[in-house]
PDB file of N, CA and C in Angstrom:
ATOM      1  N   MET A   1       0.746  -1.094   0.095  1.00  0.00           N
ATOM      2  CA  MET A   1       0.101   0.027   0.212  1.00  0.00           C
ATOM      3  C   MET A   1       0.782   1.271   0.140  1.00  0.00           C
ATOM      4  N   SER A   2       0.264   2.407  -0.506  1.00  0.00           N
ATOM      5  CA  SER A   2       0.978   3.441  -0.736  1.00  0.00           C
ATOM      6  C   SER A   2       0.117   4.735  -0.131  1.00  0.00           C
ATOM      7  N   HIS A   3       0.533   5.684   0.059  1.00  0.00           N
ATOM      8  CA  HIS A   3      -0.255   6.731   0.516  1.00  0.00           C
ATOM      9  C   HIS A   3      -0.132   7.870  -0.393  1.00  0.00           C
ATOM     10  N   LYS A   4      -1.359   8.875  -0.376  1.00  0.00           N
ATOM     11  CA  LYS A   4      -1.438  10.134  -1.016  1.00  0.00           C
ATOM     12  C   LYS A   4      -1.314  11.015   0.136  1.00  0.00           C
ATOM     13  N   ILE A   5      -0.797  12.153  -0.244  1.00  0.00           N
ATOM     14  CA  ILE A   5      -0.427  13.190   0.885  1.00  0.00           C
ATOM     15  C   ILE A   5      -1.122  14.331   0.307  1.00  0.00           C
ATOM     16  N   THR A   6      -1.871  15.082   0.808  1.00  0.00           N
ATOM     17  CA  THR A   6      -2.356  16.343   0.466  1.00  0.00           C
ATOM     18  C   THR A   6      -1.981  17.355   1.515  1.00  0.00           C
ATOM     19  N   ARG A   7      -1.794  18.630   1.400  1.00  0.00           N
ATOM     20  CA  ARG A   7      -1.520  19.551   2.290  1.00  0.00           C
ATOM     21  C   ARG A   7      -2.060  20.824   2.093  1.00  0.00           C
ATOM     22  N   VAL A   8      -2.497  21.619   3.166  1.00  0.00           N
ATOM     23  CA  VAL A   8      -3.043  23.099   3.115  1.00  0.00           C
ATOM     24  C   VAL A   8      -2.361  23.762   4.138  1.00  0.00           C
ATOM     25  N   TYR A   9      -1.761  25.000   3.988  1.00  0.00           N
ATOM     26  CA  TYR A   9      -1.357  25.775   4.743  1.00  0.00           C
ATOM     27  C   TYR A   9      -2.068  27.302   4.910  1.00  0.00           C
ATOM     28  N   LYS A  10      -2.313  27.419   6.323  1.00  0.00           N
ATOM     29  CA  LYS A  10      -3.137  28.630   6.715  1.00  0.00           C
ATOM     30  C   LYS A  10      -2.507  29.705   7.637  1.00  0.00           C
ATOM     31  N   ALA A  11      -2.773  30.914   7.387  1.00  0.00           N
ATOM     32  CA  ALA A  11      -2.110  31.967   8.056  1.00  0.00           C
ATOM     33  C   ALA A  11      -0.492  31.891   8.066  1.00  0.00           C
ATOM     34  N   VAL A  12       0.109  31.742   7.056  1.00  0.00           N
ATOM     35  CA  VAL A  12       1.550  31.929   7.221  1.00  0.00           C
ATOM     36  C   VAL A  12       2.077  33.376   7.325  1.00  0.00           C
ATOM     37  N   ASN A  13       3.029  33.286   8.286  1.00  0.00           N
ATOM     38  CA  ASN A  13       3.404  34.616   8.448  1.00  0.00           C
ATOM     39  C   ASN A  13       4.886  34.704   7.834  1.00  0.00           C
ATOM     40  N   SER A  14       5.923  33.437   7.762  1.00  0.00           N
ATOM     41  CA  SER A  14       7.061  33.715   7.312  1.00  0.00           C
ATOM     42  C   SER A  14       7.412  32.366   6.559  1.00  0.00           C
ATOM     43  N   LYS A  15       7.629  32.711   5.404  1.00  0.00           N
ATOM     44  CA  LYS A  15       7.848  31.634   4.277  1.00  0.00           C
ATOM     45  C   LYS A  15       9.234  30.931   4.747  1.00  0.00           C
ATOM     46  N   PRO A  16      10.110  31.583   5.006  1.00  0.00           N
ATOM     47  CA  PRO A  16      11.359  30.817   5.319  1.00  0.00           C
ATOM     48  C   PRO A  16      11.091  29.713   6.479  1.00  0.00           C
ATOM     49  N   LEU A  17      10.583  30.298   7.448  1.00  0.00           N
ATOM     50  CA  LEU A  17      10.250  29.294   8.593  1.00  0.00           C
ATOM     51  C   LEU A  17       9.072  28.021   8.274  1.00  0.00           C
ATOM     52  N   LEU A  18       8.073  28.556   7.446  1.00  0.00           N
ATOM     53  CA  LEU A  18       7.283  27.463   6.792  1.00  0.00           C
ATOM     54  C   LEU A  18       8.083  26.157   6.001  1.00  0.00           C
ATOM     55  N   LYS A  19       8.894  26.975   5.190  1.00  0.00           N
ATOM     56  CA  LYS A  19       9.940  25.969   4.782  1.00  0.00           C
ATOM     57  C   LYS A  19      10.760  25.191   5.363  1.00  0.00           C
ATOM     58  N   GLU A  20      11.220  25.538   6.442  1.00  0.00           N
ATOM     59  CA  GLU A  20      12.200  24.918   7.368  1.00  0.00           C
ATOM     60  C   GLU A  20      11.207  23.692   7.956  1.00  0.00           C
ATOM     61  N   VAL A  21       9.984  24.189   8.491  1.00  0.00           N
ATOM     62  CA  VAL A  21       9.068  23.151   9.092  1.00  0.00           C
ATOM     63  C   VAL A  21       8.806  22.196   8.065  1.00  0.00           C
ATOM     64  N   THR A  22       8.088  22.486   7.009  1.00  0.00           N
ATOM     65  CA  THR A  22       7.454  21.483   6.145  1.00  0.00           C
ATOM     66  C   THR A  22       8.809  20.544   5.427  1.00  0.00           C
ATOM     67  N   ASP A  23       9.808  21.156   5.302  1.00  0.00           N
ATOM     68  CA  ASP A  23      10.816  20.115   4.880  1.00  0.00           C
ATOM     69  C   ASP A  23      11.149  19.191   5.730  1.00  0.00           C
ATOM     70  N   PHE A  24      11.212  19.636   7.109  1.00  0.00           N
ATOM     71  CA  PHE A  24      11.546  18.642   8.309  1.00  0.00           C
ATOM     72  C   PHE A  24      10.349  17.650   8.246  1.00  0.00           C
ATOM     73  N   ILE A  25       9.000  18.091   8.254  1.00  0.00           N
ATOM     74  CA  ILE A  25       7.801  17.058   8.499  1.00  0.00           C
ATOM     75  C   ILE A  25       7.830  16.023   7.066  1.00  0.00           C
ATOM     76  N   GLU A  26       7.988  16.745   5.935  1.00  0.00           N
ATOM     77  CA  GLU A  26       8.090  16.025   4.683  1.00  0.00           C
ATOM     78  C   GLU A  26       8.838  14.987   4.492  1.00  0.00           C
ATOM     79  N   GLU A  27      10.102  15.437   4.789  1.00  0.00           N
ATOM     80  CA  GLU A  27      11.348  14.308   4.933  1.00  0.00           C
ATOM     81  C   GLU A  27      10.956  13.425   5.531  1.00  0.00           C
ATOM     82  N   GLY A  28      10.433  13.687   7.096  1.00  0.00           N
ATOM     83  CA  GLY A  28      10.063  12.410   7.836  1.00  0.00           C
ATOM     84  C   GLY A  28       8.885  11.468   7.217  1.00  0.00           C
ATOM     85  N   LEU A  29       7.933  12.220   6.719  1.00  0.00           N
ATOM     86  CA  LEU A  29       6.867  11.393   6.065  1.00  0.00           C
ATOM     87  C   LEU A  29       7.432  10.459   5.059  1.00  0.00           C
ATOM     88  N   GLY A  30       8.519  10.998   4.330  1.00  0.00           N
ATOM     89  CA  GLY A  30       8.844  10.075   2.845  1.00  0.00           C
ATOM     90  C   GLY A  30      10.049   9.205   3.572  1.00  0.00           C
ATOM     91  N   GLU A  31      10.825   9.457   4.485  1.00  0.00           N
ATOM     92  CA  GLU A  31      11.901   8.630   4.876  1.00  0.00           C
ATOM     93  C   GLU A  31      11.504   7.797   6.075  1.00  0.00           C
ATOM     94  N   PHE A  32      10.572   7.977   6.977  1.00  0.00           N
ATOM     95  CA  PHE A  32      10.254   7.083   7.991  1.00  0.00           C
ATOM     96  C   PHE A  32       9.383   5.889   7.627  1.00  0.00           C
ATOM     97  N   GLY A  33       8.309   6.330   6.555  1.00  0.00           N
ATOM     98  CA  GLY A  33       7.615   5.326   6.080  1.00  0.00           C
ATOM     99  C   GLY A  33       6.405   4.946   7.329  1.00  0.00           C
ATOM    100  N   VAL A  34       5.907   6.054   7.746  1.00  0.00           N
ATOM    101  CA  VAL A  34       4.842   5.927   8.830  1.00  0.00           C
ATOM    102  C   VAL A  34       3.801   4.905   8.562  1.00  0.00           C
ATOM    103  N   GLN A  35       3.526   3.928   9.491  1.00  0.00           N
ATOM    104  CA  GLN A  35       2.272   3.137   9.132  1.00  0.00           C
ATOM    105  C   GLN A  35       1.209   3.996  10.062  1.00  0.00           C
ATOM    106  N   TRP A  36       0.185   4.640   9.209  1.00  0.00           N
ATOM    107  CA  TRP A  36      -0.656   5.596   9.645  1.00  0.00           C
ATOM    108  C   TRP A  36      -1.804   4.715  10.581  1.00  0.00           C
ATOM    109  N   ASP A  37      -1.937   3.132  10.416  1.00  0.00           N
ATOM    110  CA  ASP A  37      -3.024   2.704  10.857  1.00  0.00           C
ATOM    111  C   ASP A  37      -2.261   2.113  12.069  1.00  0.00           C
ATOM    112  N   SER A  38      -1.103   2.438  12.696  1.00  0.00           N
ATOM    113  CA  SER A  38      -0.428   1.968  13.810  1.00  0.00           C
ATOM    114  C   SER A  38      -0.362   3.296  14.763  1.00  0.00           C
ATOM    115  N   GLU A  39      -1.158   3.138  16.013  1.00  0.00           N
ATOM    116  CA  GLU A  39      -1.094   3.984  17.075  1.00  0.00           C
ATOM    117  C   GLU A  39       0.474   4.468  17.431  1.00  0.00           C
ATOM    118  N   SER A  40       1.375   3.458  17.785  1.00  0.00           N
ATOM    119  CA  SER A  40       2.584   3.914  18.071  1.00  0.00           C
ATOM    120  C   SER A  40       3.396   4.263  17.294  1.00  0.00           C
ATOM    121  N   GLN A  41       3.270   4.131  15.762  1.00  0.00           N
ATOM    122  CA  GLN A  41       3.899   4.700  14.779  1.00  0.00           C
ATOM    123  C   GLN A  41       3.514   6.228  14.685  1.00  0.00           C
ATOM    124  N   LYS A  42       2.261   6.545  14.753  1.00  0.00           N
ATOM    125  CA  LYS A  42       1.645   7.609  14.765  1.00  0.00           C
ATOM    126  C   LYS A  42       2.144   8.771  15.850  1.00  0.00           C
ATOM    127  N   GLU A  43       2.183   7.957  16.920  1.00  0.00           N
ATOM    128  CA  GLU A  43       2.617   8.914  18.355  1.00  0.00           C
ATOM    129  C   GLU A  43       4.058   8.934  18.016  1.00  0.00           C
ATOM    130  N   THR A  44       4.730   8.119  17.450  1.00  0.00           N
ATOM    131  CA  THR A  44       6.352   8.289  17.569  1.00  0.00           C
ATOM    132  C   THR A  44       6.668   9.346  16.599  1.00  0.00           C
ATOM    133  N   PHE A  45       6.041   9.455  15.532  1.00  0.00           N
ATOM    134  CA  PHE A  45       6.084  10.720  14.421  1.00  0.00           C
ATOM    135  C   PHE A  45       5.629  12.012  15.019  1.00  0.00           C
ATOM    136  N   VAL A  46       4.560  12.005  15.792  1.00  0.00           N
ATOM    137  CA  VAL A  46       4.224  13.280  16.222  1.00  0.00           C
ATOM    138  C   VAL A  46       5.043  13.740  17.172  1.00  0.00           C
ATOM    139  N   GLU A  47       5.871  13.011  18.172  1.00  0.00           N
ATOM    140  CA  GLU A  47       6.844  13.132  19.325  1.00  0.00           C
ATOM    141  C   GLU A  47       8.260  13.813  18.504  1.00  0.00           C
ATOM    142  N   ILE A  48       8.437  13.190  17.267  1.00  0.00           N
ATOM    143  CA  ILE A  48       9.569  13.674  16.702  1.00  0.00           C
ATOM    144  C   ILE A  48       9.398  15.213  16.111  1.00  0.00           C
ATOM    145  N   VAL A  49       8.424  15.397  15.626  1.00  0.00           N
ATOM    146  CA  VAL A  49       7.820  16.702  15.168  1.00  0.00           C
ATOM    147  C   VAL A  49       7.853  17.893  16.510  1.00  0.00           C
ATOM    148  N   GLU A  50       7.247  17.319  17.556  1.00  0.00           N
ATOM    149  CA  GLU A  50       7.208  18.127  18.701  1.00  0.00           C
ATOM    150  C   GLU A  50       8.331  18.307  18.972  1.00  0.00           C
ATOM    151  N   ASP A  51       9.565  17.488  19.184  1.00  0.00           N
ATOM    152  CA  ASP A  51      10.967  17.722  19.454  1.00  0.00           C
ATOM    153  C   ASP A  51      11.537  18.795  18.609  1.00  0.00           C
ATOM    154  N   PHE A  52      11.326  18.622  17.437  1.00  0.00           N
ATOM    155  CA  PHE A  52      11.753  19.521  16.269  1.00  0.00           C
ATOM    156  C   PHE A  52      11.513  21.230  16.519  1.00  0.00           C
ATOM    157  N   LEU A  53      10.077  21.100  16.816  1.00  0.00           N
ATOM    158  CA  LEU A  53       9.325  22.679  16.985  1.00  0.00           C
ATOM    159  C   LEU A  53       9.695  22.978  18.541  1.00  0.00           C
ATOM    160  N   ALA A  54      10.069  22.133  19.330  1.00  0.00           N
ATOM    161  CA  ALA A  54      10.672  22.476  20.737  1.00  0.00           C
ATOM    162  C   ALA A  54      12.079  23.213  20.568  1.00  0.00           C
ATOM    163  N   GLU A  55      12.698  22.722  19.776  1.00  0.00           N
ATOM    164  CA  GLU A  55      14.105  23.024  19.373  1.00  0.00           C
ATOM    165  C   GLU A  55      13.899  24.550  18.812  1.00  0.00           C
ATOM    166  N   ILE A  56      13.122  24.738  17.772  1.00  0.00           N
ATOM    167  CA  ILE A  56      12.693  25.905  17.200  1.00  0.00           C
ATOM    168  C   ILE A  56      12.573  26.953  18.323  1.00  0.00           C
ATOM    169  N   MET A  57      11.597  26.543  18.962  1.00  0.00           N
ATOM    170  CA  MET A  57      10.971  27.383  20.169  1.00  0.00           C
ATOM    171  C   MET A  57      12.186  27.955  21.363  1.00  0.00           C
ATOM    172  N   GLU A  58      12.752  26.861  21.885  1.00  0.00           N
ATOM    173  CA  GLU A  58      13.582  26.859  22.983  1.00  0.00           C
ATOM    174  C   GLU A  58      15.148  27.473  22.669  1.00  0.00           C
ATOM    175  N   ILE A  59      15.642  26.935  21.383  1.00  0.00           N
ATOM    176  CA  ILE A  59      16.936  27.221  21.104  1.00  0.00           C
ATOM    177  C   ILE A  59      17.195  28.407  19.955  1.00  0.00           C
ATOM    178  N   GLN A  60      16.361  28.467  19.287  1.00  0.00           N
ATOM    179  CA  GLN A  60      16.185  29.293  18.019  1.00  0.00           C
ATOM    180  C   GLN A  60      15.319  30.313  18.283  1.00  0.00           C
ATOM    181  N   GLY A  61      14.211  30.294  19.260  1.00  0.00           N
ATOM    182  CA  GLY A  61      13.268  31.488  19.517  1.00  0.00           C
ATOM    183  C   GLY A  61      12.284  32.195  18.331  1.00  0.00           C
ATOM    184  N   LYS A  62      12.321  31.171  17.345  1.00  0.00           N
ATOM    185  CA  LYS A  62      11.477  31.782  16.450  1.00  0.00           C
ATOM    186  C   LYS A  62      10.022  31.717  16.590  1.00  0.00           C
ATOM    187  N   ILE A  63       9.387  30.761  17.521  1.00  0.00           N
ATOM    188  CA  ILE A  63       8.226  30.534  17.682  1.00  0.00           C
ATOM    189  C   ILE A  63       7.915  30.467  19.365  1.00  0.00           C
ATOM    190  N   VAL A  64       6.735  30.815  19.807  1.00  0.00           N
ATOM    191  CA  VAL A  64       6.372  30.817  20.938  1.00  0.00           C
ATOM    192  C   VAL A  64       5.408  29.577  21.809  1.00  0.00           C
ATOM    193  N   SER A  65       4.724  29.197  20.729  1.00  0.00           N
ATOM    194  CA  SER A  65       3.895  27.701  21.130  1.00  0.00           C
ATOM    195  C   SER A  65       3.645  27.149  19.958  1.00  0.00           C
ATOM    196  N   TYR A  66       3.295  25.834  20.165  1.00  0.00           N
ATOM    197  CA  TYR A  66       2.891  24.746  18.954  1.00  0.00           C
ATOM    198  C   TYR A  66       2.215  23.673  19.546  1.00  0.00           C
ATOM    199  N   LYS A  67       1.538  23.271  18.531  1.00  0.00           N
ATOM    200  CA  LYS A  67       0.492  21.980  18.795  1.00  0.00           C
ATOM    201  C   LYS A  67       0.614  20.955  17.332  1.00  0.00           C
ATOM    202  N   VAL A  68       0.847  19.745  17.902  1.00  0.00           N
ATOM    203  CA  VAL A  68       0.873  18.902  16.712  1.00  0.00           C
ATOM    204  C   VAL A  68      -0.152  17.629  17.090  1.00  0.00           C
ATOM    205  N   MET A  69      -1.080  17.340  16.188  1.00  0.00           N
ATOM    206  CA  MET A  69      -2.193  16.328  16.583  1.00  0.00           C
ATOM    207  C   MET A  69      -2.188  15.363  15.384  1.00  0.00           C
ATOM    208  N   ALA A  70      -2.331  14.226  15.675  1.00  0.00           N
ATOM    209  CA  ALA A  70      -2.706  12.985  14.775  1.00  0.00           C
ATOM    210  C   ALA A  70      -3.446  12.049  15.343  1.00  0.00           C
ATOM    211  N   ASP A  71      -4.493  12.547  16.403  1.00  0.00           N
ATOM    212  CA  ASP A  71      -5.103  11.483  16.962  1.00  0.00           C
ATOM    213  C   ASP A  71      -6.629  11.452  16.843  1.00  0.00           C
ATOM    214  N   ARG A  72      -7.452  11.291  18.059  1.00  0.00           N
ATOM    215  CA  ARG A  72      -9.038  11.168  17.866  1.00  0.00           C
ATOM    216  C   ARG A  72      -9.466  13.030  17.903  1.00  0.00           C
ATOM    217  N   ARG A  73      -8.583  13.911  18.414  1.00  0.00           N
ATOM    218  CA  ARG A  73      -8.931  15.377  18.184  1.00  0.00           C
ATOM    219  C   ARG A  73      -9.027  15.965  17.037  1.00  0.00           C
ATOM    220  N   ASN A  74      -8.451  15.451  15.938  1.00  0.00           N
ATOM    221  CA  ASN A  74      -8.564  15.923  14.754  1.00  0.00           C
ATOM    222  C   ASN A  74      -8.705  14.873  13.701  1.00  0.00           C
ATOM    223  N   ASN A  75      -9.276  13.553  14.181  1.00  0.00           N
ATOM    224  CA  ASN A  75      -9.487  12.475  13.001  1.00  0.00           C
ATOM    225  C   ASN A  75     -10.852  11.855  13.646  1.00  0.00           C
ATOM    226  N   LYS A  76     -11.624  11.512  12.638  1.00  0.00           N
ATOM    227  CA  LYS A  76     -12.948  10.703  13.070  1.00  0.00           C
ATOM    228  C   LYS A  76     -12.733   9.060  12.525  1.00  0.00           C
ATOM    229  N   ALA A  77     -13.234   8.306  13.793  1.00  0.00           N
ATOM    230  CA  ALA A  77     -13.051   6.818  13.495  1.00  0.00           C
ATOM    231  C   ALA A  77     -13.358   6.424  12.441  1.00  0.00           C
ATOM    232  N   SER A  78     -14.423   6.983  11.847  1.00  0.00           N
ATOM    233  CA  SER A  78     -15.020   6.614  10.266  1.00  0.00           C
ATOM    234  C   SER A  78     -13.898   6.520   9.289  1.00  0.00           C
ATOM    235  N   ASP A  79     -13.010   7.688   9.590  1.00  0.00           N
ATOM    236  CA  ASP A  79     -11.776   8.075   8.370  1.00  0.00           C
ATOM    237  C   ASP A  79     -10.662   7.255   8.775  1.00  0.00           C
ATOM    238  N   TRP A  80     -10.533   6.830   9.982  1.00  0.00           N
ATOM    239  CA  TRP A  80      -9.290   5.843  10.050  1.00  0.00           C
ATOM    240  C   TRP A  80      -9.630   4.343   9.484  1.00  0.00           C
ATOM    241  N   GLU A  81     -10.986   4.187   9.639  1.00  0.00           N
ATOM    242  CA  GLU A  81     -11.245   2.868   8.988  1.00  0.00           C
ATOM    243  C   GLU A  81     -11.234   2.891   7.402  1.00  0.00           C
ATOM    244  N   ASN A  82     -11.473   3.916   6.882  1.00  0.00           N
ATOM    245  CA  ASN A  82     -11.557   4.198   5.344  1.00  0.00           C
ATOM    246  C   ASN A  82      -9.760   4.354   5.249  1.00  0.00           C
ATOM    247  N   GLY A  83      -9.089   4.413   5.976  1.00  0.00           N
ATOM    248  CA  GLY A  83      -7.685   4.699   5.519  1.00  0.00           C
ATOM    249  C   GLY A  83      -7.465   6.235   5.327  1.00  0.00           C
ATOM    250  N   VAL A  84      -7.911   7.309   5.929  1.00  0.00           N
ATOM    251  CA  VAL A  84      -7.706   8.490   5.872  1.00  0.00           C
ATOM    252  C   VAL A  84      -7.357   9.067   7.200  1.00  0.00           C
ATOM    253  N   TYR A  85      -6.041   9.742   7.409  1.00  0.00           N
ATOM    254  CA  TYR A  85      -5.589  10.131   8.508  1.00  0.00           C
ATOM    255  C   TYR A  85      -5.083  11.575   8.303  1.00  0.00           C
ATOM    256  N   LYS A  86      -5.490  12.533   9.364  1.00  0.00           N
ATOM    257  CA  LYS A  86      -4.997  13.895   9.542  1.00  0.00           C
ATOM    258  C   LYS A  86      -3.944  14.088  10.486  1.00  0.00           C
ATOM    259  N   PHE A  87      -3.056  14.804   9.934  1.00  0.00           N
ATOM    260  CA  PHE A  87      -1.798  15.094  10.776  1.00  0.00           C
ATOM    261  C   PHE A  87      -1.832  16.688  10.837  1.00  0.00           C
ATOM    262  N   ASP A  88      -2.020  17.288  11.975  1.00  0.00           N
ATOM    263  CA  ASP A  88      -2.001  18.693  11.791  1.00  0.00           C
ATOM    264  C   ASP A  88      -0.857  19.288  12.647  1.00  0.00           C
ATOM    265  N   VAL A  89      -0.410  20.581  12.300  1.00  0.00           N
ATOM    266  CA  VAL A  89       0.618  21.148  13.244  1.00  0.00           C
ATOM    267  C   VAL A  89       0.268  22.594  13.085  1.00  0.00           C
ATOM    268  N   ALA A  90       0.280  23.308  14.242  1.00  0.00           N
ATOM    269  CA  ALA A  90       0.123  24.685  14.489  1.00  0.00           C
ATOM    270  C   ALA A  90       1.200  25.113  15.090  1.00  0.00           C
ATOM    271  N   TYR A  91       1.593  26.455  14.742  1.00  0.00           N
ATOM    272  CA  TYR A  91       2.601  27.137  15.666  1.00  0.00           C
ATOM    273  C   TYR A  91       2.459  28.585  15.689  1.00  0.00           C
ATOM    274  N   LYS A  92       2.825  29.203  16.640  1.00  0.00           N
ATOM    275  CA  LYS A  92       2.715  30.958  16.741  1.00  0.00           C
ATOM    276  C   LYS A  92       4.014  31.412  16.859  1.00  0.00           C
ATOM    277  N   GLN A  93       4.312  32.067  15.799  1.00  0.00           N
ATOM    278  CA  GLN A  93       5.547  32.904  15.882  1.00  0.00           C
ATOM    279  C   GLN A  93       5.704  33.982  16.617  1.00  0.00           C
ATOM    280  N   LYS A  94       6.939  34.221  17.277  1.00  0.00           N
ATOM    281  CA  LYS A  94       7.138  35.355  17.988  1.00  0.00           C
ATOM    282  C   LYS A  94       6.819  36.750  17.343  1.00  0.00           C
ATOM    283  N   ASN A  95       5.934  37.465  17.769  1.00  0.00           N
ATOM    284  CA  ASN A  95       5.626  38.803  17.502  1.00  0.00           C
ATOM    285  C   ASN A  95       4.510  38.772  16.383  1.00  0.00           C
ATOM    286  N   CYS A  96       3.825  37.698  16.317  1.00  0.00           N
ATOM    287  CA  CYS A  96       2.630  37.897  15.398  1.00  0.00           C
ATOM    288  C   CYS A  96       1.420  37.270  16.016  1.00  0.00           C
ATOM    289  N   LEU A  97       0.466  37.664  15.549  1.00  0.00           N
ATOM    290  CA  LEU A  97      -0.843  37.559  16.120  1.00  0.00           C
ATOM    291  C   LEU A  97      -1.530  36.247  15.770  1.00  0.00           C
ATOM    292  N   ASN A  98      -1.565  35.881  14.478  1.00  0.00           N
ATOM    293  CA  ASN A  98      -2.116  34.852  13.903  1.00  0.00           C
ATOM    294  C   ASN A  98      -1.263  33.266  14.095  1.00  0.00           C
ATOM    295  N   THR A  99      -1.754  32.387  13.920  1.00  0.00           N
ATOM    296  CA  THR A  99      -1.169  30.987  14.235  1.00  0.00           C
ATOM    297  C   THR A  99      -1.044  30.354  12.842  1.00  0.00           C
ATOM    298  N   THR A 100       0.039  30.101  12.452  1.00  0.00           N
ATOM    299  CA  THR A 100       0.230  29.050  11.171  1.00  0.00           C
ATOM    300  C   THR A 100      -0.431  27.734  11.329  1.00  0.00           C
ATOM    301  N   GLN A 101      -1.106  27.188  10.377  1.00  0.00           N
ATOM    302  CA  GLN A 101      -1.479  26.011  10.517  1.00  0.00           C
ATOM    303  C   GLN A 101      -0.920  25.226   9.042  1.00  0.00           C
ATOM    304  N   LEU A 102      -0.664  23.911   9.357  1.00  0.00           N
ATOM    305  CA  LEU A 102      -0.226  23.012   8.564  1.00  0.00           C
ATOM    306  C   LEU A 102      -1.162  21.710   8.541  1.00  0.00           C
ATOM    307  N   LEU A 103      -1.968  21.521   7.756  1.00  0.00           N
ATOM    308  CA  LEU A 103      -2.978  20.670   7.720  1.00  0.00           C
ATOM    309  C   LEU A 103      -2.695  19.577   6.758  1.00  0.00           C
ATOM    310  N   TYR A 104      -2.111  18.208   6.931  1.00  0.00           N
ATOM    311  CA  TYR A 104      -1.948  17.171   6.068  1.00  0.00           C
ATOM    312  C   TYR A 104      -3.070  16.128   6.154  1.00  0.00           C
ATOM    313  N   THR A 105      -3.310  15.619   4.972  1.00  0.00           N
ATOM    314  CA  THR A 105      -4.345  14.358   4.894  1.00  0.00           C
ATOM    315  C   THR A 105      -3.569  13.584   3.988  1.00  0.00           C
ATOM    316  N   ILE A 106      -3.421  12.350   4.758  1.00  0.00           N
ATOM    317  CA  ILE A 106      -2.707  11.059   4.276  1.00  0.00           C
ATOM    318  C   ILE A 106      -3.849  10.061   4.044  1.00  0.00           C
ATOM    319  N   THR A 107      -3.877   9.456   2.857  1.00  0.00           N
ATOM    320  CA  THR A 107      -5.128   8.629   2.347  1.00  0.00           C
ATOM    321  C   THR A 107      -4.025   7.394   1.947  1.00  0.00           C
ATOM    322  N   THR A 108      -4.756   6.328   2.556  1.00  0.00           N
ATOM    323  CA  THR A 108      -4.173   4.987   1.817  1.00  0.00           C
ATOM    324  C   THR A 108      -4.570   4.863   0.741  1.00  0.00           C
ATOM    325  N   VAL A 109      -3.776   4.301  -0.301  1.00  0.00           N
ATOM    326  CA  VAL A 109      -4.301   3.794  -1.688  1.00  0.00           C
ATOM    327  C   VAL A 109      -3.738   2.522  -1.835  1.00  0.00           C
ATOM    328  N   LYS A 110      -4.467   1.760  -2.193  1.00  0.00           N
ATOM    329  CA  LYS A 110      -4.453   0.241  -2.501  1.00  0.00           C
ATOM    330  C   LYS A 110      -3.517   0.082  -3.831  1.00  0.00           C
ATOM    331  N   ASP A 111      -2.413  -0.515  -3.721  1.00  0.00           N
ATOM    332  CA  ASP A 111      -1.450  -0.933  -4.891  1.00  0.00           C
ATOM    333  C   ASP A 111      -2.607  -1.951  -5.988  1.00  0.00           C
ATOM    334  N   LYS A 112      -2.430  -1.658  -7.309  1.00  0.00           N
ATOM    335  CA  LYS A 112      -3.157  -2.323  -8.336  1.00  0.00           C
ATOM    336  C   LYS A 112      -2.917  -4.010  -8.010  1.00  0.00           C
ATOM    337  N   GLU A 113      -1.626  -4.342  -7.597  1.00  0.00           N
ATOM    338  CA  GLU A 113      -1.384  -5.666  -7.211  1.00  0.00           C
ATOM    339  C   GLU A 113      -2.130  -6.378  -6.511  1.00  0.00           C
ATOM    340  N   MET A 114      -2.328  -5.555  -5.245  1.00  0.00           N
ATOM    341  CA  MET A 114      -3.133  -6.092  -4.096  1.00  0.00           C
ATOM    342  C   MET A 114      -4.565  -6.299  -4.342  1.00  0.00           C
ATOM    343  N   LEU A 115      -4.945  -5.652  -5.486  1.00  0.00           N
ATOM    344  CA  LEU A 115      -6.598  -5.801  -6.039  1.00  0.00           C
ATOM    345  C   LEU A 115      -6.815  -7.077  -6.876  1.00  0.00           C
ATOM    346  N   ILE A 116      -5.708  -7.560  -7.260  1.00  0.00           N
ATOM    347  CA  ILE A 116      -5.788  -8.705  -8.113  1.00  0.00           C
ATOM    348  C   ILE A 116      -5.482  -9.873  -7.501  1.00  0.00           C
ATOM    349  N   LEU A 117      -6.828 -10.982  -7.752  1.00  0.00           N
ATOM    350  CA  LEU A 117      -6.242 -12.211  -6.991  1.00  0.00           C
ATOM    351  C   LEU A 117      -5.930 -13.133  -8.243  1.00  0.00           C
ATOM    352  N   ASP A 118      -4.899 -13.958  -7.893  1.00  0.00           N
ATOM    353  CA  ASP A 118      -4.218 -15.001  -8.819  1.00  0.00           C
ATOM    354  C   ASP A 118      -4.503 -16.154  -8.426  1.00  0.00           C
ATOM    355  N   PHE A 119      -5.373 -17.009  -8.994  1.00  0.00           N
ATOM    356  CA  PHE A 119      -5.590 -18.453  -8.671  1.00  0.00           C
ATOM    357  C   PHE A 119      -4.621 -19.419  -9.523  1.00  0.00           C
ATOM    358  N   ASN A 120      -4.028 -20.142  -9.023  1.00  0.00           N
ATOM    359  CA  ASN A 120      -3.359 -21.375 -10.014  1.00  0.00           C
ATOM    360  C   ASN A 120      -4.190 -22.566  -9.596  1.00  0.00           C
ATOM    361  N   LEU A 121      -4.511 -23.367 -10.405  1.00  0.00           N
ATOM    362  CA  LEU A 121      -4.895 -24.771 -10.403  1.00  0.00           C
ATOM    363  C   LEU A 121      -4.122 -25.851 -10.740  1.00  0.00           C
TER     364      LEU A 121
END
């Protein structure tokens, strides 16, 4: 099975910071190969992204708060059953009023080979 990823960005204040965050997330999505139907793998990926944002907040001082979600707060059980998972990241930059949101939708796509049944007699 493979995954189709769509993304939406809202209230972007800084394009360089957005690029830094999205590059990290999208590299992780491609490199780690998260099994989105596995709670432990989703939680691990969320923790990795939270650690990255904590570093940006505490060491670089570019943001003042953040939230990362990929659980029941932003996903319906019916979507999970259909192979659709939402991964949301929100962060507030220093000296900015609005909160930047990165909304990812990961959809499980069945490979064509998996849909073909081959019977040998």
